[in-house]
Amino acid sequence: MIVRLERNLIWGSLVYDSCGLCSIRANRGTVKPSANFSASADAEVLHKAMKGLGTDEDAILQLVTARSNAQRQEIKASFKTLYGKDLIDDLKGELGGKFETLIVALMTPPITYDVTSLRNAIKGAGTDEKVLVEILASRTSQQVKQIVAAYKQEYDDDLEKDITGDTSGHFQRLLVILLQANRQTGIQAESIESDAQALFKAGEQKFGTDEQSFVTILGNRSAEHLRKVFDAYMKLSGYEIEESIKRETSGNLKDLLLAVVKCARSVPAYFAETLYYAMKGAGTDDNTLIRVMVTRSEVDLLDIRAQFRRLFACSLHSMIKGDAGGDYRKALLALCGGDDA
């Protein structure tokens, strides 16, 4: 269903600046397209790895993590042409557990992956707000527009309607604003001070909180404008905006506002933190770990690794190594692409 859109929606080669403007330059991903690529030769390798008794998981993970998403789509098409079978179905039949989830995610076009993640977050048992927050706070305006269009095409449903049917209050309002994908571009110098004042009056200076002001300003201004507003807010109130949000709001709204602020400051730092907390403590949030490693592997995972090292007392590589096991760990480490010890 989404195939016609896919050609233009492999995001790795496109870099968006803080205003959501697109410029072509070297991506900051750890996964690059393979030189001397042959889709049919790769399809043959995968077929051989799954043929007969037993599966050569190592061959599968080495190949899949060393190809770009666009190349994986060509392998998928070649596999069907050569063997008359669906590669994803075969992989699902041969692999299991978290390793299977990771490999299937890597074989999915980025736009389709985001759309499916959002659908599952809304339509599953209960709503997975964490997925809504992560995707809608971190994607560029252009990507959000593509997601909305692809969601409609795939499910013949309206993403906004599905989200509003599952959420409420100011959390819902901010999600709706983000779905409009109409952030201003550039810095509105004349409104930096008034935006900072409005946020101060809506929170720290008021008995109770005017959540609407936070939602409107944080949902509509560009990232570079917001960074100036955060500086002005700090001078005005003596607090970082994150401290005020934590004090003045709670629950899902707090999580979404914080995600928007963190992404305005630095998307790679936001994802470094997301990965850290997915692995920290007892138990691992594997869904988040897989989602972030897959979706950022061709976009900015090198920058995420650098931020991870800066923010925490270990490297992303060493934390994955200590947290995951088996082929799942091998594949995640291949995506991570190096240790910043």
C-alpha atoms as a PDB file:
ATOM      1  CA  MET A   1       0.000   0.000   0.000  1.00  0.00           C
ATOM      2  CA  ILE A   2       2.721   2.480   0.945  1.00  0.00           C
ATOM      3  CA  VAL A   3       5.172   1.385  -1.747  1.00  0.00           C
ATOM      4  CA  ARG A   4       4.508   4.327  -4.060  1.00  0.00           C
ATOM      5  CA  LEU A   5       5.532   6.776  -1.359  1.00  0.00           C
ATOM      6  CA  GLU A   6       8.607   4.877  -0.249  1.00  0.00           C
ATOM      7  CA  ARG A   7      11.033   5.958  -2.947  1.00  0.00           C
ATOM      8  CA  ASN A   8      11.159   9.514  -1.680  1.00  0.00           C
ATOM      9  CA  LEU A   9      10.880   8.741   1.995  1.00  0.00           C
ATOM     10  CA  ILE A  10      14.139   7.059   2.952  1.00  0.00           C
ATOM     11  CA  TRP A  11      15.259   9.727   5.368  1.00  0.00           C
ATOM     12  CA  GLY A  12      18.916   8.865   5.894  1.00  0.00           C
ATOM     13  CA  SER A  13      20.255  11.003   3.048  1.00  0.00           C
ATOM     14  CA  LEU A  14      18.178  14.033   4.003  1.00  0.00           C
ATOM     15  CA  VAL A  15      19.242  16.234   6.861  1.00  0.00           C
ATOM     16  CA  TYR A  16      16.809  18.669   8.409  1.00  0.00           C
ATOM     17  CA  ASP A  17      18.049  21.700  10.261  1.00  0.00           C
ATOM     18  CA  SER A  18      16.412  23.003  13.420  1.00  0.00           C
ATOM     19  CA  CYS A  19      13.748  24.787  11.378  1.00  0.00           C
ATOM     20  CA  GLY A  20      12.816  21.609   9.561  1.00  0.00           C
ATOM     21  CA  LEU A  21      14.441  22.869   6.359  1.00  0.00           C
ATOM     22  CA  CYS A  22      15.965  20.122   4.281  1.00  0.00           C
ATOM     23  CA  SER A  23      19.536  20.155   3.066  1.00  0.00           C
ATOM     24  CA  ILE A  24      21.458  17.358   1.426  1.00  0.00           C
ATOM     25  CA  ARG A  25      24.699  16.531   3.208  1.00  0.00           C
ATOM     26  CA  ALA A  26      26.457  13.518   4.609  1.00  0.00           C
ATOM     27  CA  ASN A  27      24.161  11.848   7.067  1.00  0.00           C
ATOM     28  CA  ARG A  28      25.263  11.267  10.645  1.00  0.00           C
ATOM     29  CA  GLY A  29      24.080   7.692  10.749  1.00  0.00           C
ATOM     30  CA  THR A  30      26.198   4.650  11.561  1.00  0.00           C
ATOM     31  CA  VAL A  31      24.677   2.662   8.691  1.00  0.00           C
ATOM     32  CA  LYS A  32      25.759   3.684   5.185  1.00  0.00           C
ATOM     33  CA  PRO A  33      24.820   2.221   1.800  1.00  0.00           C
ATOM     34  CA  SER A  34      27.054  -0.720   0.881  1.00  0.00           C
ATOM     35  CA  ALA A  35      29.411  -0.175  -2.058  1.00  0.00           C
ATOM     36  CA  ASN A  36      29.347  -2.752  -4.905  1.00  0.00           C
ATOM     37  CA  PHE A  37      25.822  -3.651  -3.861  1.00  0.00           C
ATOM     38  CA  SER A  38      23.984  -6.509  -5.566  1.00  0.00           C
ATOM     39  CA  ALA A  39      20.402  -7.096  -4.449  1.00  0.00           C
ATOM     40  CA  SER A  40      20.229 -10.538  -6.050  1.00  0.00           C
ATOM     41  CA  ALA A  41      23.539 -11.687  -4.484  1.00  0.00           C
ATOM     42  CA  ASP A  42      22.296 -10.512  -1.067  1.00  0.00           C
ATOM     43  CA  ALA A  43      18.922 -12.212  -1.599  1.00  0.00           C
ATOM     44  CA  GLU A  44      20.836 -15.424  -2.332  1.00  0.00           C
ATOM     45  CA  VAL A  45      22.873 -15.100   0.879  1.00  0.00           C
ATOM     46  CA  LEU A  46      19.684 -14.668   2.931  1.00  0.00           C
ATOM     47  CA  HIS A  47      17.969 -17.569   1.185  1.00  0.00           C
ATOM     48  CA  LYS A  48      20.940 -19.825   1.891  1.00  0.00           C
ATOM     49  CA  ALA A  49      21.000 -18.684   5.551  1.00  0.00           C
ATOM     50  CA  MET A  50      17.402 -19.834   5.984  1.00  0.00           C
ATOM     51  CA  LYS A  51      17.454 -22.965   3.827  1.00  0.00           C
ATOM     52  CA  GLY A  52      17.425 -26.488   5.244  1.00  0.00           C
ATOM     53  CA  LEU A  53      17.809 -27.371   8.901  1.00  0.00           C
ATOM     54  CA  GLY A  54      18.797 -24.576  11.242  1.00  0.00           C
ATOM     55  CA  THR A  55      19.237 -20.890  10.469  1.00  0.00           C
ATOM     56  CA  ASP A  56      22.478 -18.953  10.057  1.00  0.00           C
ATOM     57  CA  GLU A  57      21.466 -15.957  12.215  1.00  0.00           C
ATOM     58  CA  ASP A  58      24.964 -14.539  12.025  1.00  0.00           C
ATOM     59  CA  ALA A  59      24.880 -14.310   8.225  1.00  0.00           C
ATOM     60  CA  ILE A  60      21.473 -12.601   8.401  1.00  0.00           C
ATOM     61  CA  LEU A  61      22.464  -9.972  10.970  1.00  0.00           C
ATOM     62  CA  GLN A  62      25.840  -9.239   9.326  1.00  0.00           C
ATOM     63  CA  LEU A  63      24.162  -8.576   5.996  1.00  0.00           C
ATOM     64  CA  VAL A  64      21.058  -6.681   7.139  1.00  0.00           C
ATOM     65  CA  THR A  65      22.946  -4.275   9.453  1.00  0.00           C
ATOM     66  CA  ALA A  66      25.483  -3.505   6.698  1.00  0.00           C
ATOM     67  CA  ARG A  67      22.931  -2.304   4.114  1.00  0.00           C
ATOM     68  CA  SER A  68      20.974   0.930   3.952  1.00  0.00           C
ATOM     69  CA  ASN A  69      17.194   0.786   4.197  1.00  0.00           C
ATOM     70  CA  ALA A  70      16.835   1.605   0.482  1.00  0.00           C
ATOM     71  CA  GLN A  71      19.118  -1.347  -0.324  1.00  0.00           C
ATOM     72  CA  ARG A  72      17.094  -3.640   1.961  1.00  0.00           C
ATOM     73  CA  GLN A  73      13.970  -2.776  -0.042  1.00  0.00           C
ATOM     74  CA  GLU A  74      15.772  -3.830  -3.234  1.00  0.00           C
ATOM     75  CA  ILE A  75      16.851  -7.103  -1.574  1.00  0.00           C
ATOM     76  CA  LYS A  76      13.231  -7.735  -0.560  1.00  0.00           C
ATOM     77  CA  ALA A  77      12.049  -7.254  -4.178  1.00  0.00           C
ATOM     78  CA  SER A  78      14.877  -9.405  -5.558  1.00  0.00           C
ATOM     79  CA  PHE A  79      14.117 -12.193  -3.057  1.00  0.00           C
ATOM     80  CA  LYS A  80      10.511 -12.373  -4.269  1.00  0.00           C
ATOM     81  CA  THR A  81      11.614 -12.347  -7.926  1.00  0.00           C
ATOM     82  CA  LEU A  82      14.150 -15.135  -7.374  1.00  0.00           C
ATOM     83  CA  TYR A  83      12.225 -17.407  -4.993  1.00  0.00           C
ATOM     84  CA  GLY A  84       8.560 -16.446  -5.284  1.00  0.00           C
ATOM     85  CA  LYS A  85       8.402 -15.900  -1.504  1.00  0.00           C
ATOM     86  CA  ASP A  86       8.112 -12.921   0.797  1.00  0.00           C
ATOM     87  CA  LEU A  87      11.409 -12.256   2.590  1.00  0.00           C
ATOM     88  CA  ILE A  88       9.716 -10.819   5.700  1.00  0.00           C
ATOM     89  CA  ASP A  89       7.491 -13.914   6.027  1.00  0.00           C
ATOM     90  CA  ASP A  90      10.542 -16.158   5.740  1.00  0.00           C
ATOM     91  CA  LEU A  91      12.477 -14.145   8.337  1.00  0.00           C
ATOM     92  CA  LYS A  92       9.516 -14.289  10.732  1.00  0.00           C
ATOM     93  CA  GLY A  93       9.295 -18.036  10.230  1.00  0.00           C
ATOM     94  CA  GLU A  94      13.003 -18.591  10.922  1.00  0.00           C
ATOM     95  CA  LEU A  95      13.810 -16.062  13.656  1.00  0.00           C
ATOM     96  CA  GLY A  96      12.249 -15.454  17.045  1.00  0.00           C
ATOM     97  CA  GLY A  97      11.924 -13.050  19.959  1.00  0.00           C
ATOM     98  CA  LYS A  98      13.602  -9.636  20.117  1.00  0.00           C
ATOM     99  CA  PHE A  99      16.095 -10.552  17.398  1.00  0.00           C
ATOM    100  CA  GLU A 100      13.231 -11.167  14.965  1.00  0.00           C
ATOM    101  CA  THR A 101      11.557  -7.881  15.962  1.00  0.00           C
ATOM    102  CA  LEU A 102      14.805  -5.988  15.332  1.00  0.00           C
ATOM    103  CA  ILE A 103      15.539  -7.583  11.935  1.00  0.00           C
ATOM    104  CA  VAL A 104      11.957  -7.103  10.697  1.00  0.00           C
ATOM    105  CA  ALA A 105      12.090  -3.456  11.846  1.00  0.00           C
ATOM    106  CA  LEU A 106      15.315  -2.933   9.875  1.00  0.00           C
ATOM    107  CA  MET A 107      13.671  -4.429   6.770  1.00  0.00           C
ATOM    108  CA  THR A 108      10.741  -1.967   7.015  1.00  0.00           C
ATOM    109  CA  PRO A 109      10.865   1.398   5.186  1.00  0.00           C
ATOM    110  CA  PRO A 110      11.185   4.275   7.741  1.00  0.00           C
ATOM    111  CA  ILE A 111       7.857   5.891   6.933  1.00  0.00           C
ATOM    112  CA  THR A 112       6.046   2.548   7.170  1.00  0.00           C
ATOM    113  CA  TYR A 113       7.794   1.793  10.440  1.00  0.00           C
ATOM    114  CA  ASP A 114       6.668   5.072  12.066  1.00  0.00           C
ATOM    115  CA  VAL A 115       3.125   4.623  10.769  1.00  0.00           C
ATOM    116  CA  THR A 116       2.938   1.047  12.090  1.00  0.00           C
ATOM    117  CA  SER A 117       4.426   2.105  15.455  1.00  0.00           C
ATOM    118  CA  LEU A 118       1.784   4.821  15.837  1.00  0.00           C
ATOM    119  CA  ARG A 119      -1.029   2.483  14.776  1.00  0.00           C
ATOM    120  CA  ASN A 120       0.037  -0.137  17.316  1.00  0.00           C
ATOM    121  CA  ALA A 121       0.365   2.530  20.016  1.00  0.00           C
ATOM    122  CA  ILE A 122      -3.219   3.667  19.445  1.00  0.00           C
ATOM    123  CA  LYS A 123      -4.985   0.443  18.527  1.00  0.00           C
ATOM    124  CA  GLY A 124      -3.344  -1.953  20.989  1.00  0.00           C
ATOM    125  CA  ALA A 125      -4.754  -2.747  24.426  1.00  0.00           C
ATOM    126  CA  GLY A 126      -4.568   0.669  26.057  1.00  0.00           C
ATOM    127  CA  THR A 127      -2.640   3.556  24.498  1.00  0.00           C
ATOM    128  CA  ASP A 128       1.159   3.576  24.435  1.00  0.00           C
ATOM    129  CA  GLU A 129       1.635   7.302  25.024  1.00  0.00           C
ATOM    130  CA  LYS A 130       5.419   6.928  25.080  1.00  0.00           C
ATOM    131  CA  VAL A 131       5.436   6.093  21.342  1.00  0.00           C
ATOM    132  CA  LEU A 132       3.157   9.045  20.470  1.00  0.00           C
ATOM    133  CA  VAL A 133       5.414  11.389  22.461  1.00  0.00           C
ATOM    134  CA  GLU A 134       8.679  10.115  20.986  1.00  0.00           C
ATOM    135  CA  ILE A 135       7.642  10.130  17.329  1.00  0.00           C
ATOM    136  CA  LEU A 136       5.614  13.351  17.235  1.00  0.00           C
ATOM    137  CA  ALA A 137       8.070  15.372  19.336  1.00  0.00           C
ATOM    138  CA  SER A 138      11.174  14.323  17.396  1.00  0.00           C
ATOM    139  CA  ARG A 139      10.169  14.179  13.722  1.00  0.00           C
ATOM    140  CA  THR A 140      10.480  17.207  11.436  1.00  0.00           C
ATOM    141  CA  SER A 141       7.380  18.946  10.066  1.00  0.00           C
ATOM    142  CA  GLN A 142       7.974  17.387   6.658  1.00  0.00           C
ATOM    143  CA  GLN A 143       8.241  13.908   8.166  1.00  0.00           C
ATOM    144  CA  VAL A 144       5.026  14.400  10.181  1.00  0.00           C
ATOM    145  CA  LYS A 145       3.178  15.393   6.996  1.00  0.00           C
ATOM    146  CA  GLN A 146       4.492  12.255   5.285  1.00  0.00           C
ATOM    147  CA  ILE A 147       3.432  10.115   8.258  1.00  0.00           C
ATOM    148  CA  VAL A 148      -0.107  11.551   8.236  1.00  0.00           C
ATOM    149  CA  ALA A 149      -0.457  10.918   4.473  1.00  0.00           C
ATOM    150  CA  ALA A 150       0.992   7.386   4.677  1.00  0.00           C
ATOM    151  CA  TYR A 151      -1.238   6.511   7.664  1.00  0.00           C
ATOM    152  CA  LYS A 152      -4.319   7.534   5.654  1.00  0.00           C
ATOM    153  CA  GLN A 153      -3.127   5.521   2.653  1.00  0.00           C
ATOM    154  CA  GLU A 154      -2.327   2.394   4.654  1.00  0.00           C
ATOM    155  CA  TYR A 155      -5.318   2.254   7.017  1.00  0.00           C
ATOM    156  CA  ASP A 156      -7.864   4.570   5.372  1.00  0.00           C
ATOM    157  CA  ASP A 157      -8.130   6.264   8.769  1.00  0.00           C
ATOM    158  CA  ASP A 158      -7.333   9.764   9.914  1.00  0.00           C
ATOM    159  CA  LEU A 159      -4.337   9.768  12.287  1.00  0.00           C
ATOM    160  CA  GLU A 160      -5.528  12.907  14.081  1.00  0.00           C
ATOM    161  CA  LYS A 161      -8.980  11.425  14.628  1.00  0.00           C
ATOM    162  CA  ASP A 162      -7.490   8.169  15.921  1.00  0.00           C
ATOM    163  CA  ILE A 163      -5.205  10.037  18.327  1.00  0.00           C
ATOM    164  CA  THR A 164      -7.928  12.374  19.620  1.00  0.00           C
ATOM    165  CA  GLY A 165     -10.187   9.364  20.181  1.00  0.00           C
ATOM    166  CA  ASP A 166      -7.528   7.905  22.468  1.00  0.00           C
ATOM    167  CA  THR A 167      -6.223  10.965  24.363  1.00  0.00           C
ATOM    168  CA  SER A 168      -7.608  13.970  26.225  1.00  0.00           C
ATOM    169  CA  GLY A 169      -6.910  17.397  27.703  1.00  0.00           C
ATOM    170  CA  HIS A 170      -3.874  19.529  26.953  1.00  0.00           C
ATOM    171  CA  PHE A 171      -1.874  16.409  26.103  1.00  0.00           C
ATOM    172  CA  GLN A 172      -4.320  15.810  23.243  1.00  0.00           C
ATOM    173  CA  ARG A 173      -4.199  19.479  22.188  1.00  0.00           C
ATOM    174  CA  LEU A 174      -0.409  19.510  21.912  1.00  0.00           C
ATOM    175  CA  LEU A 175      -0.417  16.252  19.919  1.00  0.00           C
ATOM    176  CA  VAL A 176      -2.961  17.818  17.533  1.00  0.00           C
ATOM    177  CA  ILE A 177      -0.769  20.925  17.149  1.00  0.00           C
ATOM    178  CA  LEU A 178       2.265  18.747  16.373  1.00  0.00           C
ATOM    179  CA  LEU A 179       0.223  16.782  13.810  1.00  0.00           C
ATOM    180  CA  GLN A 180      -0.529  20.038  11.930  1.00  0.00           C
ATOM    181  CA  ALA A 181       3.238  20.235  11.240  1.00  0.00           C
ATOM    182  CA  ASN A 182       3.027  24.016  10.885  1.00  0.00           C
ATOM    183  CA  ARG A 183       5.913  25.157  13.059  1.00  0.00           C
ATOM    184  CA  GLN A 184       7.167  28.644  12.270  1.00  0.00           C
ATOM    185  CA  THR A 185      10.579  28.845  10.645  1.00  0.00           C
ATOM    186  CA  GLY A 186      13.497  30.978  11.789  1.00  0.00           C
ATOM    187  CA  ILE A 187      13.706  33.279  14.789  1.00  0.00           C
ATOM    188  CA  GLN A 188      11.038  35.895  15.487  1.00  0.00           C
ATOM    189  CA  ALA A 189      13.361  38.291  17.343  1.00  0.00           C
ATOM    190  CA  GLU A 190      10.501  40.607  18.327  1.00  0.00           C
ATOM    191  CA  SER A 191       8.602  37.862  20.165  1.00  0.00           C
ATOM    192  CA  ILE A 192      11.421  36.111  22.088  1.00  0.00           C
ATOM    193  CA  GLU A 193      10.910  38.257  25.178  1.00  0.00           C
ATOM    194  CA  SER A 194       7.097  38.158  25.034  1.00  0.00           C
ATOM    195  CA  ASP A 195       7.112  34.356  24.632  1.00  0.00           C
ATOM    196  CA  ALA A 196       9.391  34.010  27.672  1.00  0.00           C
ATOM    197  CA  GLN A 197       7.107  36.392  29.631  1.00  0.00           C
ATOM    198  CA  ALA A 198       3.993  34.441  28.591  1.00  0.00           C
ATOM    199  CA  LEU A 199       5.534  31.153  29.774  1.00  0.00           C
ATOM    200  CA  PHE A 200       6.606  32.743  33.058  1.00  0.00           C
ATOM    201  CA  LYS A 201       3.130  34.204  33.675  1.00  0.00           C
ATOM    202  CA  ALA A 202       1.499  30.879  32.728  1.00  0.00           C
ATOM    203  CA  GLY A 203       3.543  28.901  35.249  1.00  0.00           C
ATOM    204  CA  GLU A 204       5.873  30.163  37.943  1.00  0.00           C
ATOM    205  CA  GLN A 205       4.100  33.504  38.389  1.00  0.00           C
ATOM    206  CA  LYS A 206       0.595  32.090  38.557  1.00  0.00           C
ATOM    207  CA  PHE A 207      -1.354  30.182  41.179  1.00  0.00           C
ATOM    208  CA  GLY A 208      -2.137  27.054  39.206  1.00  0.00           C
ATOM    209  CA  THR A 209      -0.904  26.691  35.639  1.00  0.00           C
ATOM    210  CA  ASP A 210      -2.119  28.007  32.302  1.00  0.00           C
ATOM    211  CA  GLU A 211      -1.177  24.887  30.303  1.00  0.00           C
ATOM    212  CA  GLN A 212      -2.557  26.345  27.067  1.00  0.00           C
ATOM    213  CA  SER A 213       0.248  28.937  26.838  1.00  0.00           C
ATOM    214  CA  PHE A 214       2.884  26.204  27.168  1.00  0.00           C
ATOM    215  CA  VAL A 215       1.110  24.090  24.550  1.00  0.00           C
ATOM    216  CA  THR A 216       0.686  26.907  22.008  1.00  0.00           C
ATOM    217  CA  ILE A 217       4.213  28.348  22.280  1.00  0.00           C
ATOM    218  CA  LEU A 218       6.119  25.068  22.499  1.00  0.00           C
ATOM    219  CA  GLY A 219       3.998  23.492  19.770  1.00  0.00           C
ATOM    220  CA  ASN A 220       4.293  26.278  17.201  1.00  0.00           C
ATOM    221  CA  ARG A 221       7.685  28.016  17.422  1.00  0.00           C
ATOM    222  CA  SER A 222      10.793  26.819  15.586  1.00  0.00           C
ATOM    223  CA  ALA A 223      13.548  25.007  17.482  1.00  0.00           C
ATOM    224  CA  GLU A 224      16.029  27.848  17.084  1.00  0.00           C
ATOM    225  CA  HIS A 225      13.456  30.400  18.255  1.00  0.00           C
ATOM    226  CA  LEU A 226      12.609  28.235  21.271  1.00  0.00           C
ATOM    227  CA  ARG A 227      16.293  27.984  22.270  1.00  0.00           C
ATOM    228  CA  LYS A 228      16.387  31.807  22.458  1.00  0.00           C
ATOM    229  CA  VAL A 229      13.116  31.786  24.435  1.00  0.00           C
ATOM    230  CA  PHE A 230      14.586  29.247  26.904  1.00  0.00           C
ATOM    231  CA  ASP A 231      17.588  31.535  27.478  1.00  0.00           C
ATOM    232  CA  ALA A 232      15.319  34.526  28.039  1.00  0.00           C
ATOM    233  CA  TYR A 233      13.112  32.443  30.359  1.00  0.00           C
ATOM    234  CA  MET A 234      16.136  31.456  32.436  1.00  0.00           C
ATOM    235  CA  LYS A 235      17.165  35.135  32.841  1.00  0.00           C
ATOM    236  CA  LEU A 236      13.632  36.119  33.711  1.00  0.00           C
ATOM    237  CA  SER A 237      12.702  33.363  36.153  1.00  0.00           C
ATOM    238  CA  GLY A 238      16.012  31.952  37.367  1.00  0.00           C
ATOM    239  CA  TYR A 239      14.844  28.483  36.281  1.00  0.00           C
ATOM    240  CA  GLU A 240      15.483  26.266  33.290  1.00  0.00           C
ATOM    241  CA  ILE A 241      12.218  25.740  31.415  1.00  0.00           C
ATOM    242  CA  GLU A 242      12.463  21.977  32.113  1.00  0.00           C
ATOM    243  CA  GLU A 243      12.410  22.629  35.894  1.00  0.00           C
ATOM    244  CA  SER A 244       9.256  24.723  35.564  1.00  0.00           C
ATOM    245  CA  ILE A 245       7.513  22.113  33.389  1.00  0.00           C
ATOM    246  CA  LYS A 246       8.301  19.413  35.964  1.00  0.00           C
ATOM    247  CA  ARG A 247       6.879  21.594  38.747  1.00  0.00           C
ATOM    248  CA  GLU A 248       3.862  22.972  36.900  1.00  0.00           C
ATOM    249  CA  THR A 249       2.594  19.966  34.918  1.00  0.00           C
ATOM    250  CA  SER A 250       2.264  16.200  35.349  1.00  0.00           C
ATOM    251  CA  GLY A 251       1.602  12.914  33.577  1.00  0.00           C
ATOM    252  CA  ASN A 252       1.543  12.610  29.802  1.00  0.00           C
ATOM    253  CA  LEU A 253       1.440  16.370  29.234  1.00  0.00           C
ATOM    254  CA  LYS A 254       4.634  16.803  31.269  1.00  0.00           C
ATOM    255  CA  ASP A 255       6.340  14.019  29.274  1.00  0.00           C
ATOM    256  CA  LEU A 256       5.333  15.542  25.938  1.00  0.00           C
ATOM    257  CA  LEU A 257       6.308  19.117  26.889  1.00  0.00           C
ATOM    258  CA  LEU A 258       9.714  17.887  28.118  1.00  0.00           C
ATOM    259  CA  ALA A 259      10.242  15.877  24.917  1.00  0.00           C
ATOM    260  CA  VAL A 260       9.431  18.937  22.781  1.00  0.00           C
ATOM    261  CA  VAL A 261      11.835  21.098  24.820  1.00  0.00           C
ATOM    262  CA  LYS A 262      14.620  18.497  24.676  1.00  0.00           C
ATOM    263  CA  CYS A 263      14.198  18.048  20.919  1.00  0.00           C
ATOM    264  CA  ALA A 264      14.304  21.834  20.437  1.00  0.00           C
ATOM    265  CA  ARG A 265      17.605  21.892  22.344  1.00  0.00           C
ATOM    266  CA  SER A 266      19.128  18.785  20.674  1.00  0.00           C
ATOM    267  CA  VAL A 267      17.433  15.802  19.024  1.00  0.00           C
ATOM    268  CA  PRO A 268      20.533  13.573  19.457  1.00  0.00           C
ATOM    269  CA  ALA A 269      20.710  14.412  23.191  1.00  0.00           C
ATOM    270  CA  TYR A 270      16.992  13.593  23.515  1.00  0.00           C
ATOM    271  CA  PHE A 271      17.548  10.171  21.957  1.00  0.00           C
ATOM    272  CA  ALA A 272      20.713   9.532  23.990  1.00  0.00           C
ATOM    273  CA  GLU A 273      18.642  10.062  27.120  1.00  0.00           C
ATOM    274  CA  THR A 274      15.795   7.912  25.746  1.00  0.00           C
ATOM    275  CA  LEU A 275      18.215   5.035  25.096  1.00  0.00           C
ATOM    276  CA  TYR A 276      19.850   5.373  28.504  1.00  0.00           C
ATOM    277  CA  TYR A 277      16.560   5.161  30.399  1.00  0.00           C
ATOM    278  CA  ALA A 278      15.373   2.275  28.181  1.00  0.00           C
ATOM    279  CA  MET A 279      18.304   0.226  29.518  1.00  0.00           C
ATOM    280  CA  LYS A 280      18.895   1.642  32.989  1.00  0.00           C
ATOM    281  CA  GLY A 281      17.848  -0.335  36.061  1.00  0.00           C
ATOM    282  CA  ALA A 282      16.085  -3.681  36.288  1.00  0.00           C
ATOM    283  CA  GLY A 283      14.595  -4.819  33.002  1.00  0.00           C
ATOM    284  CA  THR A 284      14.983  -3.259  29.567  1.00  0.00           C
ATOM    285  CA  ASP A 285      12.416  -1.413  27.491  1.00  0.00           C
ATOM    286  CA  ASP A 286      13.308  -3.384  24.364  1.00  0.00           C
ATOM    287  CA  ASN A 287      10.590  -1.814  22.220  1.00  0.00           C
ATOM    288  CA  THR A 288      12.088   1.637  22.780  1.00  0.00           C
ATOM    289  CA  LEU A 289      15.650   0.358  22.375  1.00  0.00           C
ATOM    290  CA  ILE A 290      14.798  -1.278  19.026  1.00  0.00           C
ATOM    291  CA  ARG A 291      12.719   1.674  17.793  1.00  0.00           C
ATOM    292  CA  VAL A 292      15.418   4.268  18.465  1.00  0.00           C
ATOM    293  CA  MET A 293      18.353   2.185  17.187  1.00  0.00           C
ATOM    294  CA  VAL A 294      16.457   1.372  13.975  1.00  0.00           C
ATOM    295  CA  THR A 295      14.973   4.808  13.228  1.00  0.00           C
ATOM    296  CA  ARG A 296      18.168   6.779  13.963  1.00  0.00           C
ATOM    297  CA  SER A 297      20.714   4.356  12.453  1.00  0.00           C
ATOM    298  CA  GLU A 298      20.811   6.258   9.143  1.00  0.00           C
ATOM    299  CA  VAL A 299      20.017   9.710  10.526  1.00  0.00           C
ATOM    300  CA  ASP A 300      22.070  10.796  13.554  1.00  0.00           C
ATOM    301  CA  LEU A 301      23.218   7.771  15.567  1.00  0.00           C
ATOM    302  CA  LEU A 302      26.837   9.012  15.487  1.00  0.00           C
ATOM    303  CA  ASP A 303      25.698  12.226  17.199  1.00  0.00           C
ATOM    304  CA  ILE A 304      23.520  10.251  19.623  1.00  0.00           C
ATOM    305  CA  ARG A 305      26.565   8.165  20.567  1.00  0.00           C
ATOM    306  CA  ALA A 306      28.614  11.327  21.189  1.00  0.00           C
ATOM    307  CA  GLN A 307      25.848  12.845  23.334  1.00  0.00           C
ATOM    308  CA  PHE A 308      25.436   9.564  25.234  1.00  0.00           C
ATOM    309  CA  ARG A 309      29.139   9.592  26.130  1.00  0.00           C
ATOM    310  CA  ARG A 310      28.913  13.252  27.176  1.00  0.00           C
ATOM    311  CA  LEU A 311      25.825  12.798  29.353  1.00  0.00           C
ATOM    312  CA  PHE A 312      26.492   9.438  31.002  1.00  0.00           C
ATOM    313  CA  ALA A 313      29.379   7.612  32.629  1.00  0.00           C
ATOM    314  CA  CYS A 314      29.632   4.982  29.878  1.00  0.00           C
ATOM    315  CA  SER A 315      29.365   4.571  26.105  1.00  0.00           C
ATOM    316  CA  LEU A 316      26.210   3.469  24.285  1.00  0.00           C
ATOM    317  CA  HIS A 317      28.161   0.427  23.024  1.00  0.00           C
ATOM    318  CA  SER A 318      29.144  -0.711  26.523  1.00  0.00           C
ATOM    319  CA  MET A 319      25.622  -0.225  27.884  1.00  0.00           C
ATOM    320  CA  ILE A 320      24.078  -2.318  25.077  1.00  0.00           C
ATOM    321  CA  LYS A 321      26.769  -4.959  25.597  1.00  0.00           C
ATOM    322  CA  GLY A 322      25.891  -5.242  29.281  1.00  0.00           C
ATOM    323  CA  ASP A 323      22.162  -5.149  28.703  1.00  0.00           C
ATOM    324  CA  ALA A 324      21.341  -7.406  25.739  1.00  0.00           C
ATOM    325  CA  GLY A 325      22.402 -10.934  24.796  1.00  0.00           C
ATOM    326  CA  GLY A 326      22.870 -13.343  21.891  1.00  0.00           C
ATOM    327  CA  ASP A 327      22.177 -12.431  18.262  1.00  0.00           C
ATOM    328  CA  TYR A 328      19.991  -9.544  19.453  1.00  0.00           C
ATOM    329  CA  ARG A 329      23.034  -7.981  21.147  1.00  0.00           C
ATOM    330  CA  LYS A 330      25.282  -8.656  18.127  1.00  0.00           C
ATOM    331  CA  ALA A 331      22.813  -6.917  15.798  1.00  0.00           C
ATOM    332  CA  LEU A 332      22.371  -3.906  18.119  1.00  0.00           C
ATOM    333  CA  LEU A 333      26.151  -3.531  18.462  1.00  0.00           C
ATOM    334  CA  ALA A 334      26.542  -3.729  14.669  1.00  0.00           C
ATOM    335  CA  LEU A 335      24.030  -0.862  14.376  1.00  0.00           C
ATOM    336  CA  CYS A 336      25.812   1.075  17.107  1.00  0.00           C
ATOM    337  CA  GLY A 337      28.915   0.768  14.969  1.00  0.00           C
ATOM    338  CA  GLY A 338      31.682   1.481  17.489  1.00  0.00           C
ATOM    339  CA  ASP A 339      32.606   2.075  21.108  1.00  0.00           C
ATOM    340  CA  ASP A 340      33.226   5.584  22.439  1.00  0.00           C
ATOM    341  CA  ALA A 341      34.869   4.335  25.622  1.00  0.00           C
END
